[in-house]
N, C-alpha and C. Protein backbone atom coordinates (compact mmCIF):
# COMPACT_ATOMS: atom_id res chain seq x y z
N UNK A 1 0.81 -1.19 0.01
CA UNK A 1 0.06 -0.04 -0.01
C UNK A 1 0.84 1.29 -0.04
N UNK A 2 2.01 1.17 0.71
CA UNK A 2 2.85 2.43 0.80
C UNK A 2 3.53 2.67 -0.59
N UNK A 3 3.86 1.61 -1.39
CA UNK A 3 4.39 1.77 -2.71
C UNK A 3 3.32 2.53 -3.56
N UNK A 4 2.03 2.15 -3.48
CA UNK A 4 1.03 2.71 -4.37
C UNK A 4 0.90 4.23 -3.96
N UNK A 5 0.90 4.56 -2.72
CA UNK A 5 0.81 5.93 -2.17
C UNK A 5 2.01 6.72 -2.77
N UNK A 6 3.20 6.17 -2.62
CA UNK A 6 4.27 6.83 -3.06
C UNK A 6 4.30 7.03 -4.53
N UNK A 7 3.93 5.99 -5.31
CA UNK A 7 3.84 6.09 -6.73
C UNK A 7 2.80 7.19 -7.14
N UNK A 8 1.62 7.19 -6.43
CA UNK A 8 0.56 8.17 -6.86
C UNK A 8 1.03 9.57 -6.54
N UNK A 9 1.72 9.85 -5.38
CA UNK A 9 2.31 11.17 -5.04
C UNK A 9 3.33 11.51 -6.07
N UNK A 10 4.26 10.69 -6.46
CA UNK A 10 5.21 10.99 -7.39
C UNK A 10 4.61 11.28 -8.78
N UNK A 11 3.66 10.51 -9.14
CA UNK A 11 3.05 10.75 -10.47
C UNK A 11 2.25 12.05 -10.51
N UNK A 12 1.72 12.38 -9.46
CA UNK A 12 0.98 13.73 -9.32
C UNK A 12 2.00 14.80 -9.32
N UNK A 13 3.15 14.69 -8.68
CA UNK A 13 4.11 15.75 -8.72
C UNK A 13 4.67 16.00 -10.03
N UNK A 14 4.91 14.81 -10.86
CA UNK A 14 5.44 14.85 -12.11
C UNK A 14 4.54 15.31 -13.23
N UNK A 15 3.24 15.19 -13.01
CA UNK A 15 2.23 15.49 -14.02
C UNK A 15 2.26 16.92 -14.54
N UNK A 16 2.39 17.99 -13.68
CA UNK A 16 2.54 19.34 -14.13
C UNK A 16 3.76 19.49 -15.05
N UNK A 17 4.84 18.91 -14.67
CA UNK A 17 6.06 18.96 -15.52
C UNK A 17 5.80 18.32 -16.99
N UNK A 18 5.18 17.23 -16.94
CA UNK A 18 4.80 16.60 -18.14
C UNK A 18 3.90 17.46 -19.04
N UNK A 19 2.96 18.06 -18.32
CA UNK A 19 2.00 18.99 -19.03
C UNK A 19 2.69 20.18 -19.65
N UNK A 20 3.67 20.75 -18.93
CA UNK A 20 4.53 21.81 -19.41
C UNK A 20 5.37 21.46 -20.70
N UNK A 21 5.78 20.21 -20.73
CA UNK A 21 6.70 19.76 -21.77
C UNK A 21 5.79 19.18 -22.80
N UNK A 22 4.61 18.98 -22.65
CA UNK A 22 3.69 18.35 -23.67
C UNK A 22 3.95 18.84 -25.14
N UNK A 23 3.58 20.04 -25.33
CA UNK A 23 3.65 20.52 -26.82
C UNK A 23 5.04 20.54 -27.37
N UNK A 24 6.07 21.07 -26.62
CA UNK A 24 7.34 20.91 -27.26
C UNK A 24 7.81 19.50 -27.53
N UNK A 25 7.60 18.53 -26.63
CA UNK A 25 7.95 17.20 -26.69
C UNK A 25 7.22 16.57 -27.93
N UNK A 26 5.90 16.92 -28.10
CA UNK A 26 5.19 16.30 -29.23
C UNK A 26 5.60 16.83 -30.60
N UNK A 27 6.02 18.13 -30.57
CA UNK A 27 6.60 18.65 -31.87
C UNK A 27 7.94 17.94 -32.05
N UNK A 28 8.77 17.77 -31.12
CA UNK A 28 10.02 17.09 -31.33
C UNK A 28 9.80 15.68 -31.75
N UNK A 29 8.78 14.99 -31.12
CA UNK A 29 8.50 13.68 -31.48
C UNK A 29 8.06 13.57 -33.00
N UNK A 30 7.24 14.62 -33.46
CA UNK A 30 6.77 14.67 -34.75
C UNK A 30 8.01 14.65 -35.72
N UNK A 31 8.96 15.50 -35.40
CA UNK A 31 10.18 15.61 -36.29
C UNK A 31 10.87 14.26 -36.32
N UNK A 32 11.10 13.67 -35.12
CA UNK A 32 11.68 12.33 -35.13
C UNK A 32 10.92 11.33 -36.01
N UNK A 33 9.62 11.36 -35.85
CA UNK A 33 8.91 10.35 -36.55
C UNK A 33 8.98 10.69 -38.11
N UNK A 34 8.90 11.90 -38.47
CA UNK A 34 9.06 12.30 -39.86
C UNK A 34 10.42 11.78 -40.48
N UNK A 35 11.55 11.88 -39.61
CA UNK A 35 12.76 11.34 -40.02
C UNK A 35 12.76 9.80 -40.11
N UNK A 36 12.04 9.13 -39.16
CA UNK A 36 12.03 7.68 -39.16
C UNK A 36 11.29 7.26 -40.42
N UNK A 37 10.23 7.89 -40.79
CA UNK A 37 9.45 7.56 -41.93
C UNK A 37 10.21 7.74 -43.18
N UNK A 38 11.10 8.74 -43.26
CA UNK A 38 11.92 9.05 -44.43
C UNK A 38 12.92 7.79 -44.71
N UNK A 39 13.30 7.07 -43.71
CA UNK A 39 14.16 5.97 -43.77
C UNK A 39 13.42 4.86 -44.65
N UNK A 40 12.09 4.90 -44.61
CA UNK A 40 11.32 3.83 -45.36
C UNK A 40 10.62 4.48 -46.64
N UNK A 41 11.16 5.63 -47.01
CA UNK A 41 10.75 6.27 -48.14
C UNK A 41 9.40 6.97 -48.22
N UNK A 42 8.97 7.32 -46.98
CA UNK A 42 7.71 8.06 -46.84
C UNK A 42 8.06 9.46 -46.50
N UNK A 43 7.68 10.36 -47.43
CA UNK A 43 8.02 11.77 -47.19
C UNK A 43 6.66 12.40 -46.61
N UNK A 44 6.76 12.69 -45.28
CA UNK A 44 5.63 13.21 -44.57
C UNK A 44 6.20 14.09 -43.53
N UNK A 45 5.76 15.37 -43.59
CA UNK A 45 6.16 16.33 -42.49
C UNK A 45 5.08 16.51 -41.49
N UNK A 46 5.28 16.20 -40.29
CA UNK A 46 4.38 16.27 -39.18
C UNK A 46 4.74 17.52 -38.40
N UNK A 47 3.60 18.37 -38.05
CA UNK A 47 3.88 19.49 -37.21
C UNK A 47 3.85 19.14 -35.78
N UNK A 48 3.02 18.18 -35.39
CA UNK A 48 2.83 17.71 -33.95
C UNK A 48 2.10 16.33 -34.01
N UNK A 49 2.25 15.57 -33.02
CA UNK A 49 1.55 14.37 -32.85
C UNK A 49 0.75 14.37 -31.45
N UNK A 50 -0.41 13.86 -31.43
CA UNK A 50 -1.25 13.88 -30.26
C UNK A 50 -1.29 12.48 -29.64
N UNK A 51 -0.24 12.23 -28.77
CA UNK A 51 -0.14 10.98 -28.05
C UNK A 51 0.05 11.27 -26.58
N UNK A 52 0.11 10.36 -25.82
CA UNK A 52 0.21 10.49 -24.34
C UNK A 52 1.58 10.99 -23.90
N UNK A 53 2.47 11.11 -24.79
CA UNK A 53 3.82 11.58 -24.48
C UNK A 53 3.79 13.05 -24.00
N UNK A 54 4.48 13.41 -22.99
CA UNK A 54 5.49 12.77 -22.19
C UNK A 54 4.97 12.13 -20.84
N UNK A 55 3.63 12.07 -20.83
CA UNK A 55 3.05 11.56 -19.56
C UNK A 55 3.51 10.13 -19.23
N UNK A 56 3.75 9.29 -20.25
CA UNK A 56 4.27 7.98 -20.01
C UNK A 56 5.70 8.04 -19.40
N UNK A 57 6.42 8.98 -19.89
CA UNK A 57 7.77 9.22 -19.24
C UNK A 57 7.76 9.49 -17.80
N UNK A 58 6.69 10.43 -17.40
CA UNK A 58 6.54 10.72 -16.06
C UNK A 58 6.09 9.53 -15.22
N UNK A 59 5.16 8.74 -15.78
CA UNK A 59 4.75 7.60 -15.01
C UNK A 59 5.81 6.56 -14.81
N UNK A 60 6.67 6.36 -15.88
CA UNK A 60 7.85 5.48 -15.80
C UNK A 60 8.75 6.02 -14.64
N UNK A 61 9.05 7.35 -14.64
CA UNK A 61 9.86 7.87 -13.62
C UNK A 61 9.28 7.65 -12.20
N UNK A 62 7.90 7.91 -12.05
CA UNK A 62 7.25 7.71 -10.78
C UNK A 62 7.46 6.27 -10.39
N UNK A 63 7.21 5.36 -11.34
CA UNK A 63 7.40 3.82 -11.06
C UNK A 63 8.83 3.56 -10.47
N UNK A 64 9.83 4.11 -11.19
CA UNK A 64 11.11 3.84 -10.76
C UNK A 64 11.52 4.42 -9.38
N UNK A 65 11.00 5.73 -9.17
CA UNK A 65 11.44 6.42 -7.95
C UNK A 65 10.61 5.83 -6.83
N UNK A 66 9.47 5.30 -7.06
CA UNK A 66 8.68 4.85 -5.94
C UNK A 66 9.13 3.49 -5.44
N UNK A 67 10.12 2.97 -6.09
CA UNK A 67 10.67 1.63 -5.68
C UNK A 67 10.97 1.53 -4.26
N UNK A 68 10.70 0.29 -3.67
CA UNK A 68 10.98 0.12 -2.21
C UNK A 68 12.15 -0.69 -1.98
N UNK A 69 12.45 -1.68 -2.82
CA UNK A 69 13.46 -2.66 -2.61
C UNK A 69 14.84 -2.36 -3.30
N UNK A 70 14.71 -1.81 -4.57
CA UNK A 70 15.88 -1.53 -5.27
C UNK A 70 16.72 -0.40 -4.66
N UNK A 71 17.99 -0.56 -4.74
CA UNK A 71 18.86 0.62 -4.34
C UNK A 71 18.79 1.77 -5.31
N UNK A 72 19.16 2.89 -4.71
CA UNK A 72 19.00 4.12 -5.62
C UNK A 72 19.87 4.01 -6.86
N UNK A 73 21.03 3.41 -6.89
CA UNK A 73 21.72 3.29 -8.12
C UNK A 73 20.98 2.45 -9.22
N UNK A 74 20.27 1.49 -8.71
CA UNK A 74 19.39 0.59 -9.70
C UNK A 74 18.32 1.54 -10.21
N UNK A 75 17.73 2.29 -9.35
CA UNK A 75 16.57 3.08 -9.81
C UNK A 75 17.05 4.13 -10.86
N UNK A 76 18.16 4.77 -10.57
CA UNK A 76 18.75 5.80 -11.46
C UNK A 76 19.18 5.10 -12.78
N UNK A 77 19.72 3.95 -12.76
CA UNK A 77 20.15 3.25 -13.92
C UNK A 77 18.92 2.93 -14.69
N UNK A 78 17.82 2.38 -14.13
CA UNK A 78 16.55 2.12 -14.85
C UNK A 78 16.09 3.42 -15.50
N UNK A 79 16.09 4.55 -14.91
CA UNK A 79 15.67 5.79 -15.51
C UNK A 79 16.55 6.16 -16.66
N UNK A 80 17.88 6.01 -16.54
CA UNK A 80 18.77 6.36 -17.65
C UNK A 80 18.71 5.48 -18.80
N UNK A 81 18.27 4.24 -18.60
CA UNK A 81 18.08 3.25 -19.68
C UNK A 81 16.65 3.27 -20.23
N UNK A 82 15.79 3.36 -19.26
CA UNK A 82 14.36 3.21 -19.65
C UNK A 82 13.77 4.39 -20.44
N UNK A 83 14.12 5.61 -20.08
CA UNK A 83 13.63 6.78 -20.74
C UNK A 83 13.97 6.85 -22.25
N UNK A 84 15.25 6.63 -22.55
CA UNK A 84 15.51 6.57 -24.00
C UNK A 84 14.81 5.45 -24.83
N UNK A 85 14.70 4.32 -24.15
CA UNK A 85 13.94 3.08 -24.70
C UNK A 85 12.50 3.55 -24.95
N UNK A 86 11.90 4.19 -23.93
CA UNK A 86 10.48 4.69 -24.19
C UNK A 86 10.33 5.70 -25.27
N UNK A 87 11.31 6.56 -25.37
CA UNK A 87 11.36 7.53 -26.48
C UNK A 87 11.30 6.79 -27.82
N UNK A 88 12.23 5.83 -27.98
CA UNK A 88 12.40 5.08 -29.18
C UNK A 88 11.07 4.29 -29.45
N UNK A 89 10.46 3.76 -28.43
CA UNK A 89 9.16 3.06 -28.52
C UNK A 89 8.03 4.06 -29.07
N UNK A 90 8.08 5.28 -28.52
CA UNK A 90 7.17 6.36 -29.00
C UNK A 90 7.23 6.55 -30.45
N UNK A 91 8.51 6.71 -30.86
CA UNK A 91 8.84 6.99 -32.27
C UNK A 91 8.26 5.90 -33.17
N UNK A 92 8.73 4.70 -32.80
CA UNK A 92 8.37 3.44 -33.51
C UNK A 92 6.81 3.31 -33.45
N UNK A 93 6.19 3.53 -32.41
CA UNK A 93 4.74 3.33 -32.34
C UNK A 93 3.97 4.31 -33.21
N UNK A 94 4.39 5.59 -33.16
CA UNK A 94 3.67 6.59 -33.97
C UNK A 94 4.01 6.34 -35.46
N UNK A 95 5.31 6.08 -35.75
CA UNK A 95 5.56 5.74 -37.16
C UNK A 95 4.78 4.55 -37.71
N UNK A 96 4.78 3.55 -36.85
CA UNK A 96 3.93 2.31 -37.25
C UNK A 96 2.45 2.63 -37.48
N UNK A 97 1.89 3.44 -36.61
CA UNK A 97 0.52 3.84 -36.73
C UNK A 97 0.33 4.57 -38.07
N UNK A 98 1.21 5.52 -38.32
CA UNK A 98 1.10 6.23 -39.62
C UNK A 98 1.23 5.36 -40.77
N UNK A 99 2.25 4.36 -40.77
CA UNK A 99 2.47 3.42 -41.88
C UNK A 99 1.23 2.58 -42.10
N UNK A 100 0.51 2.10 -41.00
CA UNK A 100 -0.70 1.38 -41.18
C UNK A 100 -1.80 2.16 -41.86
N UNK A 101 -1.93 3.44 -41.36
CA UNK A 101 -2.95 4.33 -41.96
C UNK A 101 -2.67 4.58 -43.47
N UNK A 102 -1.39 4.87 -43.82
CA UNK A 102 -1.02 5.23 -45.18
C UNK A 102 -1.16 3.92 -46.08
N UNK A 103 -0.84 2.82 -45.47
CA UNK A 103 -0.87 1.55 -46.28
C UNK A 103 -2.21 1.33 -46.83
N UNK A 104 -3.25 1.56 -46.10
CA UNK A 104 -4.66 1.21 -46.47
C UNK A 104 -5.58 2.36 -46.87
N UNK A 105 -4.96 3.56 -47.04
CA UNK A 105 -5.77 4.76 -47.32
C UNK A 105 -6.55 4.71 -48.52
N UNK A 106 -6.07 3.96 -49.56
CA UNK A 106 -6.68 3.93 -50.87
C UNK A 106 -7.68 2.76 -50.98
N UNK A 107 -7.95 2.00 -49.99
CA UNK A 107 -8.76 0.89 -49.96
C UNK A 107 -9.97 1.18 -49.05
N UNK A 108 -11.17 1.51 -49.72
CA UNK A 108 -12.19 1.90 -48.90
C UNK A 108 -12.68 0.87 -47.90
N UNK A 109 -12.62 -0.30 -48.18
CA UNK A 109 -13.04 -1.40 -47.26
C UNK A 109 -12.12 -1.58 -46.07
N UNK A 110 -10.87 -1.34 -46.19
CA UNK A 110 -9.87 -1.42 -45.05
C UNK A 110 -9.59 -0.12 -44.45
N UNK A 111 -9.84 1.00 -45.07
CA UNK A 111 -9.29 2.27 -44.58
C UNK A 111 -9.92 2.58 -43.19
N UNK A 112 -11.10 2.34 -42.91
CA UNK A 112 -11.67 2.64 -41.54
C UNK A 112 -10.97 1.76 -40.50
N UNK A 113 -10.85 0.46 -40.81
CA UNK A 113 -10.34 -0.41 -39.91
C UNK A 113 -8.77 -0.08 -39.63
N UNK A 114 -8.03 0.34 -40.72
CA UNK A 114 -6.70 0.75 -40.59
C UNK A 114 -6.54 2.02 -39.74
N UNK A 115 -7.49 2.92 -40.03
CA UNK A 115 -7.42 4.17 -39.29
C UNK A 115 -7.57 3.91 -37.72
N UNK A 116 -8.60 3.14 -37.49
CA UNK A 116 -8.87 2.76 -36.10
C UNK A 116 -7.64 2.01 -35.45
N UNK A 117 -7.12 0.99 -36.17
CA UNK A 117 -5.95 0.25 -35.57
C UNK A 117 -4.73 1.14 -35.43
N UNK A 118 -4.57 2.16 -36.29
CA UNK A 118 -3.43 3.10 -36.14
C UNK A 118 -3.63 3.95 -34.93
N UNK A 119 -4.83 4.47 -34.71
CA UNK A 119 -5.08 5.31 -33.56
C UNK A 119 -5.01 4.43 -32.29
N UNK A 120 -5.49 3.26 -32.23
CA UNK A 120 -5.47 2.39 -31.08
C UNK A 120 -3.93 2.10 -30.68
N UNK A 121 -3.19 1.82 -31.71
CA UNK A 121 -1.76 1.55 -31.52
C UNK A 121 -1.10 2.74 -30.97
N UNK A 122 -1.22 3.96 -31.52
CA UNK A 122 -0.57 5.21 -31.03
C UNK A 122 -1.07 5.55 -29.65
N UNK A 123 -2.33 5.24 -29.26
CA UNK A 123 -2.87 5.55 -28.02
C UNK A 123 -2.43 4.57 -26.95
N UNK A 124 -2.18 3.29 -27.27
CA UNK A 124 -1.95 2.19 -26.33
C UNK A 124 -0.48 1.98 -26.06
N UNK A 125 0.42 2.19 -27.06
CA UNK A 125 1.86 1.83 -26.82
C UNK A 125 2.50 2.66 -25.68
N UNK A 126 2.23 3.96 -25.62
CA UNK A 126 2.93 4.74 -24.55
C UNK A 126 2.54 4.25 -23.13
N UNK A 127 1.26 3.89 -22.94
CA UNK A 127 0.88 3.47 -21.63
C UNK A 127 1.29 2.12 -21.29
N UNK A 128 1.21 1.17 -22.26
CA UNK A 128 1.62 -0.16 -21.93
C UNK A 128 3.17 -0.20 -21.92
N UNK A 129 3.89 0.50 -22.68
CA UNK A 129 5.34 0.39 -22.72
C UNK A 129 5.98 0.82 -21.47
N UNK A 130 5.46 1.83 -20.79
CA UNK A 130 5.96 2.33 -19.59
C UNK A 130 6.03 1.26 -18.53
N UNK A 131 4.88 0.60 -18.37
CA UNK A 131 4.82 -0.64 -17.45
C UNK A 131 5.82 -1.77 -17.83
N UNK A 132 5.82 -2.07 -19.08
CA UNK A 132 6.68 -3.15 -19.48
C UNK A 132 8.10 -2.96 -19.41
N UNK A 133 8.55 -1.57 -19.70
CA UNK A 133 9.93 -1.35 -19.51
C UNK A 133 10.38 -1.33 -18.02
N UNK A 134 9.35 -0.84 -17.15
CA UNK A 134 9.61 -0.86 -15.78
C UNK A 134 9.77 -2.29 -15.34
N UNK A 135 8.86 -3.24 -15.75
CA UNK A 135 8.96 -4.59 -15.42
C UNK A 135 10.34 -5.18 -15.78
N UNK A 136 10.71 -4.89 -16.99
CA UNK A 136 12.03 -5.41 -17.54
C UNK A 136 13.16 -4.97 -16.68
N UNK A 137 13.14 -3.68 -16.32
CA UNK A 137 14.40 -3.16 -15.67
C UNK A 137 14.33 -3.24 -14.12
N UNK A 138 13.06 -3.18 -13.63
CA UNK A 138 12.99 -3.19 -12.10
C UNK A 138 12.22 -4.38 -11.52
N UNK A 139 11.63 -5.14 -12.36
CA UNK A 139 10.73 -6.18 -11.79
C UNK A 139 11.40 -7.22 -10.92
N UNK A 140 12.71 -7.48 -11.24
CA UNK A 140 13.32 -8.53 -10.45
C UNK A 140 13.64 -7.98 -9.07
N UNK A 141 13.65 -6.63 -8.87
CA UNK A 141 13.90 -6.01 -7.63
C UNK A 141 12.58 -5.81 -6.92
N UNK A 142 11.54 -5.51 -7.55
CA UNK A 142 10.34 -5.04 -6.93
C UNK A 142 9.26 -6.00 -6.75
N UNK A 143 9.22 -6.98 -7.68
CA UNK A 143 8.13 -8.01 -7.54
C UNK A 143 8.38 -9.08 -6.49
N UNK A 144 7.48 -9.65 -5.91
CA UNK A 144 7.69 -10.69 -4.90
C UNK A 144 8.49 -11.85 -5.53
N UNK A 145 9.24 -12.40 -4.74
CA UNK A 145 10.10 -13.68 -5.34
C UNK A 145 9.13 -14.64 -6.06
N UNK A 146 8.00 -14.88 -5.47
CA UNK A 146 7.29 -15.85 -6.23
C UNK A 146 6.72 -15.47 -7.56
N UNK A 147 6.76 -14.06 -7.81
CA UNK A 147 6.38 -13.67 -9.18
C UNK A 147 7.58 -13.17 -10.03
N UNK A 148 8.44 -12.50 -9.50
CA UNK A 148 9.50 -11.97 -10.18
C UNK A 148 10.87 -12.60 -10.15
N UNK A 149 10.90 -13.73 -9.46
CA UNK A 149 12.14 -14.42 -9.27
C UNK A 149 13.05 -13.86 -8.17
N UNK A 150 14.36 -14.15 -8.22
CA UNK A 150 15.23 -13.76 -7.16
C UNK A 150 15.27 -12.11 -7.18
N UNK A 151 15.63 -11.58 -6.07
CA UNK A 151 15.84 -10.06 -5.97
C UNK A 151 17.24 -9.78 -6.52
N UNK A 152 17.13 -8.78 -7.52
CA UNK A 152 18.32 -8.26 -8.01
C UNK A 152 19.12 -9.18 -8.99
N UNK A 153 20.12 -8.70 -9.62
CA UNK A 153 20.86 -9.49 -10.56
C UNK A 153 21.77 -10.54 -9.88
N UNK A 154 22.22 -10.38 -8.73
CA UNK A 154 23.19 -11.27 -8.04
C UNK A 154 22.55 -11.88 -6.92
N UNK A 155 21.31 -12.33 -7.02
CA UNK A 155 20.55 -13.04 -5.93
C UNK A 155 21.20 -14.33 -5.69
N UNK A 156 21.23 -14.68 -4.42
CA UNK A 156 21.92 -15.99 -4.12
C UNK A 156 20.82 -17.08 -4.35
N UNK A 157 21.45 -18.35 -4.57
CA UNK A 157 20.52 -19.48 -4.70
C UNK A 157 19.73 -19.71 -3.55
N UNK A 158 18.69 -20.48 -3.59
CA UNK A 158 17.86 -20.82 -2.44
C UNK A 158 18.66 -21.60 -1.36
N UNK A 159 18.46 -21.26 -0.11
CA UNK A 159 19.24 -21.95 0.88
C UNK A 159 18.34 -23.04 1.36
N UNK A 160 18.96 -24.14 1.99
CA UNK A 160 18.15 -25.27 2.53
C UNK A 160 17.11 -24.89 3.39
N UNK A 161 17.25 -23.81 4.16
CA UNK A 161 16.21 -23.34 5.14
C UNK A 161 15.14 -22.69 4.41
N UNK A 162 15.29 -22.32 3.03
CA UNK A 162 14.24 -21.72 2.30
C UNK A 162 13.21 -22.73 1.83
N UNK A 163 13.52 -23.93 1.77
CA UNK A 163 12.77 -24.96 1.18
C UNK A 163 11.70 -25.41 2.17
N UNK A 164 10.55 -25.78 1.68
CA UNK A 164 9.40 -26.18 2.49
C UNK A 164 9.74 -27.45 3.32
N UNK A 165 9.47 -27.44 4.51
CA UNK A 165 9.74 -28.60 5.31
C UNK A 165 8.52 -29.51 5.35
N UNK A 166 8.80 -30.86 5.36
CA UNK A 166 7.61 -31.77 5.32
C UNK A 166 6.86 -31.52 6.70
N UNK A 167 5.58 -31.75 6.60
CA UNK A 167 4.70 -31.54 7.77
C UNK A 167 4.82 -32.79 8.54
N UNK A 168 4.88 -32.63 9.90
CA UNK A 168 4.86 -33.89 10.79
C UNK A 168 3.49 -34.53 10.67
N UNK A 169 3.42 -35.85 10.77
CA UNK A 169 2.16 -36.55 10.78
C UNK A 169 1.73 -36.97 12.13
């Protein structure tokens, strides 16, 4: 319960910063997506994209900072690795959404479905990716041993005292 309260407090504190960064970040994301699309021969200049960025970065930061078991160096390492990964996922997600929409734009039967799939993809990836990247980087520290395995990268093997003892009859 304490972790949830700490996470909620940190997410609430980071939300105004994410809101202030919203429009500049989405414009920068649009430029990055335009360059990514050029790699595949798609000439498209975007002024801005409307996705949940950078709120997913704020949620990821709150998840990392709210950690209870991981040492601070692990939390900071997760932030340093996870935020660039999330930025790349955002670029890939938006570029994929646009590619899906453009691929089917001339086909009336598939255009509506492609448009919907593209929007669902661009709306879902930021929220899902923040949790998945956190799980990948911090899950072994923060999840219970029965769910996430041993604590940390150098966890010791189970000791004989850790094994279940047979019940007396």
